[in-house]
Amino acid sequence: MTTTPSDADARAQILRLLGEIAPEADLACLNPDVSFRDQLDLDSMDFLNFVVALHKAFHIEIPETDYPKYMTLNGCIAQVAASRT
């Protein structure tokens, strides 16, 4: 995946938000294609808080049916990028 400056900004913001939800997580070792829930041991409430944080940070609507698209770092970046078009 090629990263544009705006994707890099989105990635940094997403990682910052994840760090707030899972402060004990080593985000430097995060696999961008593996579910956050699997890697960070997030429960459903943590993930919901993350989605709400994404909504606030990026000013995007995230319907519940789209939640699976936000379960990986690459998925989040792609969804944020798609919301800008």
PDB file of N, CA and C in Angstrom:
ATOM      1  N   MET A   1       0.841  -1.185   0.000  1.00  0.00           N
ATOM      2  CA  MET A   1       0.000   0.000   0.000  1.00  0.00           C
ATOM      3  C   MET A   1       0.886   1.247   0.000  1.00  0.00           C
ATOM      4  N   THR A   2       0.707   2.105  -0.978  1.00  0.00           N
ATOM      5  CA  THR A   2       1.456   3.344  -1.048  1.00  0.00           C
ATOM      6  C   THR A   2       0.827   4.347  -0.101  1.00  0.00           C
ATOM      7  N   THR A   3       1.677   5.024   0.648  1.00  0.00           N
ATOM      8  CA  THR A   3       1.176   5.965   1.632  1.00  0.00           C
ATOM      9  C   THR A   3       1.412   7.385   1.153  1.00  0.00           C
ATOM     10  N   THR A   4       0.335   8.149   1.006  1.00  0.00           N
ATOM     11  CA  THR A   4       0.449   9.559   0.665  1.00  0.00           C
ATOM     12  C   THR A   4       0.589  10.328   1.974  1.00  0.00           C
ATOM     13  N   PRO A   5       1.019  11.588   1.906  1.00  0.00           N
ATOM     14  CA  PRO A   5       1.113  12.363   3.157  1.00  0.00           C
ATOM     15  C   PRO A   5      -0.181  12.362   3.958  1.00  0.00           C
ATOM     16  N   SER A   6      -1.318  12.456   3.277  1.00  0.00           N
ATOM     17  CA  SER A   6      -2.577  12.456   4.021  1.00  0.00           C
ATOM     18  C   SER A   6      -2.830  11.089   4.653  1.00  0.00           C
ATOM     19  N   ASP A   7      -2.421  10.011   3.995  1.00  0.00           N
ATOM     20  CA  ASP A   7      -2.535   8.681   4.594  1.00  0.00           C
ATOM     21  C   ASP A   7      -1.616   8.567   5.800  1.00  0.00           C
ATOM     22  N   ALA A   8      -0.431   9.143   5.696  1.00  0.00           N
ATOM     23  CA  ALA A   8       0.510   9.109   6.821  1.00  0.00           C
ATOM     24  C   ALA A   8      -0.070   9.872   8.018  1.00  0.00           C
ATOM     25  N   ASP A   9      -0.700  10.995   7.738  1.00  0.00           N
ATOM     26  CA  ASP A   9      -1.352  11.764   8.806  1.00  0.00           C
ATOM     27  C   ASP A   9      -2.485  10.961   9.436  1.00  0.00           C
ATOM     28  N   ALA A  10      -3.286  10.321   8.590  1.00  0.00           N
ATOM     29  CA  ALA A  10      -4.392   9.507   9.094  1.00  0.00           C
ATOM     30  C   ALA A  10      -3.853   8.353   9.927  1.00  0.00           C
ATOM     31  N   ARG A  11      -2.793   7.721   9.458  1.00  0.00           N
ATOM     32  CA  ARG A  11      -2.189   6.602  10.184  1.00  0.00           C
ATOM     33  C   ARG A  11      -1.726   7.056  11.574  1.00  0.00           C
ATOM     34  N   ALA A  12      -1.052   8.198  11.625  1.00  0.00           N
ATOM     35  CA  ALA A  12      -0.563   8.716  12.903  1.00  0.00           C
ATOM     36  C   ALA A  12      -1.719   9.023  13.848  1.00  0.00           C
ATOM     37  N   GLN A  13      -2.771   9.603  13.317  1.00  0.00           N
ATOM     38  CA  GLN A  13      -3.944   9.938  14.136  1.00  0.00           C
ATOM     39  C   GLN A  13      -4.624   8.659  14.640  1.00  0.00           C
ATOM     40  N   ILE A  14      -4.763   7.662  13.770  1.00  0.00           N
ATOM     41  CA  ILE A  14      -5.391   6.395  14.158  1.00  0.00           C
ATOM     42  C   ILE A  14      -4.572   5.730  15.260  1.00  0.00           C
ATOM     43  N   LEU A  15      -3.259   5.710  15.101  1.00  0.00           N
ATOM     44  CA  LEU A  15      -2.396   5.102  16.119  1.00  0.00           C
ATOM     45  C   LEU A  15      -2.483   5.856  17.445  1.00  0.00           C
ATOM     46  N   ARG A  16      -2.598   7.174  17.376  1.00  0.00           N
ATOM     47  CA  ARG A  16      -2.747   7.968  18.599  1.00  0.00           C
ATOM     48  C   ARG A  16      -4.048   7.596  19.312  1.00  0.00           C
ATOM     49  N   LEU A  17      -5.121   7.477  18.549  1.00  0.00           N
ATOM     50  CA  LEU A  17      -6.413   7.107  19.126  1.00  0.00           C
ATOM     51  C   LEU A  17      -6.365   5.699  19.726  1.00  0.00           C
ATOM     52  N   LEU A  18      -5.713   4.783  19.035  1.00  0.00           N
ATOM     53  CA  LEU A  18      -5.562   3.423  19.571  1.00  0.00           C
ATOM     54  C   LEU A  18      -4.775   3.442  20.871  1.00  0.00           C
ATOM     55  N   GLY A  19      -3.756   4.289  20.923  1.00  0.00           N
ATOM     56  CA  GLY A  19      -2.948   4.409  22.135  1.00  0.00           C
ATOM     57  C   GLY A  19      -3.758   4.903  23.321  1.00  0.00           C
ATOM     58  N   GLU A  20      -4.766   5.716  23.050  1.00  0.00           N
ATOM     59  CA  GLU A  20      -5.640   6.191  24.125  1.00  0.00           C
ATOM     60  C   GLU A  20      -6.568   5.078  24.611  1.00  0.00           C
ATOM     61  N   ILE A  21      -6.981   4.210  23.696  1.00  0.00           N
ATOM     62  CA  ILE A  21      -7.882   3.110  24.042  1.00  0.00           C
ATOM     63  C   ILE A  21      -7.113   1.951  24.694  1.00  0.00           C
ATOM     64  N   ALA A  22      -5.914   1.710  24.182  1.00  0.00           N
ATOM     65  CA  ALA A  22      -5.090   0.594  24.689  1.00  0.00           C
ATOM     66  C   ALA A  22      -3.690   1.106  25.011  1.00  0.00           C
ATOM     67  N   PRO A  23      -3.549   1.856  26.108  1.00  0.00           N
ATOM     68  CA  PRO A  23      -2.265   2.502  26.407  1.00  0.00           C
ATOM     69  C   PRO A  23      -1.118   1.526  26.648  1.00  0.00           C
ATOM     70  N   GLU A  24      -1.417   0.288  27.018  1.00  0.00           N
ATOM     71  CA  GLU A  24      -0.362  -0.686  27.280  1.00  0.00           C
ATOM     72  C   GLU A  24       0.139  -1.366  26.002  1.00  0.00           C
ATOM     73  N   ALA A  25      -0.511  -1.125  24.879  1.00  0.00           N
ATOM     74  CA  ALA A  25      -0.179  -1.800  23.623  1.00  0.00           C
ATOM     75  C   ALA A  25       1.104  -1.248  23.013  1.00  0.00           C
ATOM     76  N   ASP A  26       1.879  -2.138  22.388  1.00  0.00           N
ATOM     77  CA  ASP A  26       3.064  -1.746  21.641  1.00  0.00           C
ATOM     78  C   ASP A  26       2.654  -1.531  20.192  1.00  0.00           C
ATOM     79  N   LEU A  27       2.271  -0.313  19.873  1.00  0.00           N
ATOM     80  CA  LEU A  27       1.732  -0.014  18.546  1.00  0.00           C
ATOM     81  C   LEU A  27       2.789  -0.080  17.452  1.00  0.00           C
ATOM     82  N   ALA A  28       4.059  -0.019  17.822  1.00  0.00           N
ATOM     83  CA  ALA A  28       5.142  -0.129  16.838  1.00  0.00           C
ATOM     84  C   ALA A  28       5.172  -1.521  16.211  1.00  0.00           C
ATOM     85  N   CYS A  29       4.660  -2.501  16.910  1.00  0.00           N
ATOM     86  CA  CYS A  29       4.660  -3.887  16.423  1.00  0.00           C
ATOM     87  C   CYS A  29       3.335  -4.276  15.785  1.00  0.00           C
ATOM     88  N   LEU A  30       2.458  -3.329  15.599  1.00  0.00           N
ATOM     89  CA  LEU A  30       1.128  -3.608  15.074  1.00  0.00           C
ATOM     90  C   LEU A  30       1.196  -4.067  13.619  1.00  0.00           C
ATOM     91  N   ASN A  31       0.577  -5.197  13.320  1.00  0.00           N
ATOM     92  CA  ASN A  31       0.466  -5.676  11.945  1.00  0.00           C
ATOM     93  C   ASN A  31      -0.729  -4.957  11.323  1.00  0.00           C
ATOM     94  N   PRO A  32      -0.530  -4.201  10.243  1.00  0.00           N
ATOM     95  CA  PRO A  32      -1.610  -3.378   9.697  1.00  0.00           C
ATOM     96  C   PRO A  32      -2.760  -4.168   9.070  1.00  0.00           C
ATOM     97  N   ASP A  33      -2.569  -5.475   8.875  1.00  0.00           N
ATOM     98  CA  ASP A  33      -3.606  -6.280   8.246  1.00  0.00           C
ATOM     99  C   ASP A  33      -4.305  -7.245   9.196  1.00  0.00           C
ATOM    100  N   VAL A  34      -3.946  -7.194  10.472  1.00  0.00           N
ATOM    101  CA  VAL A  34      -4.549  -8.087  11.465  1.00  0.00           C
ATOM    102  C   VAL A  34      -5.460  -7.260  12.375  1.00  0.00           C
ATOM    103  N   SER A  35      -6.579  -7.838  12.734  1.00  0.00           N
ATOM    104  CA  SER A  35      -7.577  -7.162  13.551  1.00  0.00           C
ATOM    105  C   SER A  35      -6.985  -6.576  14.829  1.00  0.00           C
ATOM    106  N   PHE A  36      -7.391  -5.343  15.126  1.00  0.00           N
ATOM    107  CA  PHE A  36      -6.987  -4.703  16.381  1.00  0.00           C
ATOM    108  C   PHE A  36      -7.418  -5.557  17.572  1.00  0.00           C
ATOM    109  N   ARG A  37      -8.600  -6.122  17.480  1.00  0.00           N
ATOM    110  CA  ARG A  37      -9.135  -6.911  18.605  1.00  0.00           C
ATOM    111  C   ARG A  37      -8.239  -8.107  18.890  1.00  0.00           C
ATOM    112  N   ASP A  38      -7.692  -8.717  17.847  1.00  0.00           N
ATOM    113  CA  ASP A  38      -6.800  -9.865  18.036  1.00  0.00           C
ATOM    114  C   ASP A  38      -5.434  -9.445  18.581  1.00  0.00           C
ATOM    115  N   GLN A  39      -4.923  -8.338  18.091  1.00  0.00           N
ATOM    116  CA  GLN A  39      -3.582  -7.905  18.479  1.00  0.00           C
ATOM    117  C   GLN A  39      -3.539  -7.158  19.805  1.00  0.00           C
ATOM    118  N   LEU A  40      -4.572  -6.388  20.083  1.00  0.00           N
ATOM    119  CA  LEU A  40      -4.557  -5.500  21.241  1.00  0.00           C
ATOM    120  C   LEU A  40      -5.472  -5.965  22.354  1.00  0.00           C
ATOM    121  N   ASP A  41      -6.114  -7.099  22.144  1.00  0.00           N
ATOM    122  CA  ASP A  41      -7.017  -7.656  23.145  1.00  0.00           C
ATOM    123  C   ASP A  41      -8.111  -6.652  23.527  1.00  0.00           C
ATOM    124  N   LEU A  42      -8.667  -5.997  22.502  1.00  0.00           N
ATOM    125  CA  LEU A  42      -9.752  -5.048  22.736  1.00  0.00           C
ATOM    126  C   LEU A  42     -11.057  -5.812  22.910  1.00  0.00           C
ATOM    127  N   ASP A  43     -11.868  -5.364  23.848  1.00  0.00           N
ATOM    128  CA  ASP A  43     -13.207  -5.939  23.954  1.00  0.00           C
ATOM    129  C   ASP A  43     -14.159  -5.089  23.112  1.00  0.00           C
ATOM    130  N   SER A  44     -15.409  -5.470  23.067  1.00  0.00           N
ATOM    131  CA  SER A  44     -16.354  -4.765  22.202  1.00  0.00           C
ATOM    132  C   SER A  44     -16.544  -3.313  22.620  1.00  0.00           C
ATOM    133  N   MET A  45     -16.484  -3.032  23.903  1.00  0.00           N
ATOM    134  CA  MET A  45     -16.626  -1.647  24.371  1.00  0.00           C
ATOM    135  C   MET A  45     -15.410  -0.812  23.968  1.00  0.00           C
ATOM    136  N   ASP A  46     -14.217  -1.386  24.064  1.00  0.00           N
ATOM    137  CA  ASP A  46     -13.006  -0.683  23.618  1.00  0.00           C
ATOM    138  C   ASP A  46     -13.116  -0.342  22.138  1.00  0.00           C
ATOM    139  N   PHE A  47     -13.576  -1.311  21.354  1.00  0.00           N
ATOM    140  CA  PHE A  47     -13.678  -1.075  19.918  1.00  0.00           C
ATOM    141  C   PHE A  47     -14.728  -0.003  19.631  1.00  0.00           C
ATOM    142  N   LEU A  48     -15.840  -0.034  20.330  1.00  0.00           N
ATOM    143  CA  LEU A  48     -16.859   0.994  20.152  1.00  0.00           C
ATOM    144  C   LEU A  48     -16.300   2.375  20.504  1.00  0.00           C
ATOM    145  N   ASN A  49     -15.544   2.460  21.590  1.00  0.00           N
ATOM    146  CA  ASN A  49     -14.909   3.731  21.962  1.00  0.00           C
ATOM    147  C   ASN A  49     -13.938   4.197  20.880  1.00  0.00           C
ATOM    148  N   PHE A  50     -13.236   3.266  20.264  1.00  0.00           N
ATOM    149  CA  PHE A  50     -12.312   3.593  19.172  1.00  0.00           C
ATOM    150  C   PHE A  50     -13.086   4.145  17.977  1.00  0.00           C
ATOM    151  N   VAL A  51     -14.191   3.514  17.623  1.00  0.00           N
ATOM    152  CA  VAL A  51     -15.005   3.982  16.493  1.00  0.00           C
ATOM    153  C   VAL A  51     -15.538   5.386  16.770  1.00  0.00           C
ATOM    154  N   VAL A  52     -16.001   5.623  17.981  1.00  0.00           N
ATOM    155  CA  VAL A  52     -16.485   6.958  18.356  1.00  0.00           C
ATOM    156  C   VAL A  52     -15.343   7.980  18.252  1.00  0.00           C
ATOM    157  N   ALA A  53     -14.148   7.594  18.681  1.00  0.00           N
ATOM    158  CA  ALA A  53     -12.991   8.484  18.589  1.00  0.00           C
ATOM    159  C   ALA A  53     -12.654   8.779  17.130  1.00  0.00           C
ATOM    160  N   LEU A  54     -12.738   7.771  16.261  1.00  0.00           N
ATOM    161  CA  LEU A  54     -12.507   7.993  14.824  1.00  0.00           C
ATOM    162  C   LEU A  54     -13.530   8.975  14.263  1.00  0.00           C
ATOM    163  N   HIS A  55     -14.777   8.784  14.646  1.00  0.00           N
ATOM    164  CA  HIS A  55     -15.854   9.670  14.197  1.00  0.00           C
ATOM    165  C   HIS A  55     -15.554  11.122  14.571  1.00  0.00           C
ATOM    166  N   LYS A  56     -15.154  11.329  15.800  1.00  0.00           N
ATOM    167  CA  LYS A  56     -14.859  12.686  16.277  1.00  0.00           C
ATOM    168  C   LYS A  56     -13.598  13.262  15.627  1.00  0.00           C
ATOM    169  N   ALA A  57     -12.562  12.457  15.504  1.00  0.00           N
ATOM    170  CA  ALA A  57     -11.283  12.950  14.980  1.00  0.00           C
ATOM    171  C   ALA A  57     -11.344  13.273  13.493  1.00  0.00           C
ATOM    172  N   PHE A  58     -12.056  12.446  12.728  1.00  0.00           N
ATOM    173  CA  PHE A  58     -12.073  12.610  11.276  1.00  0.00           C
ATOM    174  C   PHE A  58     -13.380  13.184  10.747  1.00  0.00           C
ATOM    175  N   HIS A  59     -14.352  13.429  11.637  1.00  0.00           N
ATOM    176  CA  HIS A  59     -15.643  13.997  11.249  1.00  0.00           C
ATOM    177  C   HIS A  59     -16.304  13.159  10.157  1.00  0.00           C
ATOM    178  N   ILE A  60     -16.325  11.841  10.398  1.00  0.00           N
ATOM    179  CA  ILE A  60     -16.946  10.930   9.441  1.00  0.00           C
ATOM    180  C   ILE A  60     -18.041  10.136  10.144  1.00  0.00           C
ATOM    181  N   GLU A  61     -19.069   9.826   9.378  1.00  0.00           N
ATOM    182  CA  GLU A  61     -20.141   8.962   9.881  1.00  0.00           C
ATOM    183  C   GLU A  61     -19.698   7.518   9.682  1.00  0.00           C
ATOM    184  N   ILE A  62     -19.863   6.706  10.712  1.00  0.00           N
ATOM    185  CA  ILE A  62     -19.477   5.303  10.635  1.00  0.00           C
ATOM    186  C   ILE A  62     -20.680   4.466  11.048  1.00  0.00           C
ATOM    187  N   PRO A  63     -21.449   3.989  10.053  1.00  0.00           N
ATOM    188  CA  PRO A  63     -22.587   3.147  10.397  1.00  0.00           C
ATOM    189  C   PRO A  63     -22.106   1.811  10.977  1.00  0.00           C
ATOM    190  N   GLU A  64     -22.909   1.249  11.833  1.00  0.00           N
ATOM    191  CA  GLU A  64     -22.537  -0.003  12.494  1.00  0.00           C
ATOM    192  C   GLU A  64     -22.209  -1.102  11.482  1.00  0.00           C
ATOM    193  N   THR A  65     -22.868  -1.086  10.341  1.00  0.00           N
ATOM    194  CA  THR A  65     -22.600  -2.101   9.321  1.00  0.00           C
ATOM    195  C   THR A  65     -21.186  -1.989   8.751  1.00  0.00           C
ATOM    196  N   ASP A  66     -20.553  -0.825   8.897  1.00  0.00           N
ATOM    197  CA  ASP A  66     -19.182  -0.622   8.397  1.00  0.00           C
ATOM    198  C   ASP A  66     -18.106  -0.908   9.441  1.00  0.00           C
ATOM    199  N   TYR A  67     -18.477  -1.215  10.668  1.00  0.00           N
ATOM    200  CA  TYR A  67     -17.481  -1.457  11.721  1.00  0.00           C
ATOM    201  C   TYR A  67     -16.414  -2.458  11.309  1.00  0.00           C
ATOM    202  N   PRO A  68     -16.770  -3.569  10.627  1.00  0.00           N
ATOM    203  CA  PRO A  68     -15.720  -4.527  10.247  1.00  0.00           C
ATOM    204  C   PRO A  68     -14.625  -3.913   9.361  1.00  0.00           C
ATOM    205  N   LYS A  69     -14.953  -2.874   8.614  1.00  0.00           N
ATOM    206  CA  LYS A  69     -13.967  -2.215   7.754  1.00  0.00           C
ATOM    207  C   LYS A  69     -12.929  -1.455   8.566  1.00  0.00           C
ATOM    208  N   TYR A  70     -13.212  -1.195   9.825  1.00  0.00           N
ATOM    209  CA  TYR A  70     -12.330  -0.414  10.697  1.00  0.00           C
ATOM    210  C   TYR A  70     -11.559  -1.285  11.691  1.00  0.00           C
ATOM    211  N   MET A  71     -11.539  -2.579  11.471  1.00  0.00           N
ATOM    212  CA  MET A  71     -10.921  -3.475  12.440  1.00  0.00           C
ATOM    213  C   MET A  71      -9.426  -3.666  12.259  1.00  0.00           C
ATOM    214  N   THR A  72      -8.862  -3.136  11.168  1.00  0.00           N
ATOM    215  CA  THR A  72      -7.410  -3.199  10.963  1.00  0.00           C
ATOM    216  C   THR A  72      -6.892  -1.799  10.667  1.00  0.00           C
ATOM    217  N   LEU A  73      -5.592  -1.612  10.816  1.00  0.00           N
ATOM    218  CA  LEU A  73      -5.006  -0.305  10.528  1.00  0.00           C
ATOM    219  C   LEU A  73      -5.176   0.048   9.057  1.00  0.00           C
ATOM    220  N   ASN A  74      -4.875  -0.884   8.161  1.00  0.00           N
ATOM    221  CA  ASN A  74      -5.041  -0.592   6.737  1.00  0.00           C
ATOM    222  C   ASN A  74      -6.499  -0.340   6.387  1.00  0.00           C
ATOM    223  N   GLY A  75      -7.410  -1.055   7.032  1.00  0.00           N
ATOM    224  CA  GLY A  75      -8.830  -0.823   6.800  1.00  0.00           C
ATOM    225  C   GLY A  75      -9.249   0.572   7.231  1.00  0.00           C
ATOM    226  N   CYS A  76      -8.770   0.997   8.384  1.00  0.00           N
ATOM    227  CA  CYS A  76      -9.075   2.352   8.874  1.00  0.00           C
ATOM    228  C   CYS A  76      -8.548   3.412   7.919  1.00  0.00           C
ATOM    229  N   ILE A  77      -7.307   3.250   7.502  1.00  0.00           N
ATOM    230  CA  ILE A  77      -6.701   4.230   6.588  1.00  0.00           C
ATOM    231  C   ILE A  77      -7.499   4.298   5.290  1.00  0.00           C
ATOM    232  N   ALA A  78      -7.888   3.147   4.753  1.00  0.00           N
ATOM    233  CA  ALA A  78      -8.656   3.113   3.509  1.00  0.00           C
ATOM    234  C   ALA A  78     -10.015   3.784   3.676  1.00  0.00           C
ATOM    235  N   GLN A  79     -10.674   3.539   4.799  1.00  0.00           N
ATOM    236  CA  GLN A  79     -11.992   4.140   5.033  1.00  0.00           C
ATOM    237  C   GLN A  79     -11.892   5.646   5.222  1.00  0.00           C
ATOM    238  N   VAL A  80     -10.878   6.087   5.935  1.00  0.00           N
ATOM    239  CA  VAL A  80     -10.685   7.529   6.134  1.00  0.00           C
ATOM    240  C   VAL A  80     -10.388   8.176   4.781  1.00  0.00           C
ATOM    241  N   ALA A  81      -9.534   7.545   3.980  1.00  0.00           N
ATOM    242  CA  ALA A  81      -9.207   8.088   2.662  1.00  0.00           C
ATOM    243  C   ALA A  81     -10.462   8.144   1.780  1.00  0.00           C
ATOM    244  N   ALA A  82     -11.284   7.113   1.826  1.00  0.00           N
ATOM    245  CA  ALA A  82     -12.512   7.071   1.030  1.00  0.00           C
ATOM    246  C   ALA A  82     -13.499   8.150   1.462  1.00  0.00           C
ATOM    247  N   SER A  83     -13.465   8.499   2.742  1.00  0.00           N
ATOM    248  CA  SER A  83     -14.398   9.522   3.228  1.00  0.00           C
ATOM    249  C   SER A  83     -13.998  10.919   2.763  1.00  0.00           C
ATOM    250  N   ARG A  84     -12.746  11.077   2.319  1.00  0.00           N
ATOM    251  CA  ARG A  84     -12.270  12.378   1.840  1.00  0.00           C
ATOM    252  C   ARG A  84     -12.636  12.636   0.386  1.00  0.00           C
ATOM    253  N   THR A  85     -13.094  11.601  -0.322  1.00  0.00           N
ATOM    254  CA  THR A  85     -13.377  11.773  -1.753  1.00  0.00           C
ATOM    255  C   THR A  85     -14.800  12.156  -1.987  1.00  0.00           C
TER     256      THR A  85
END
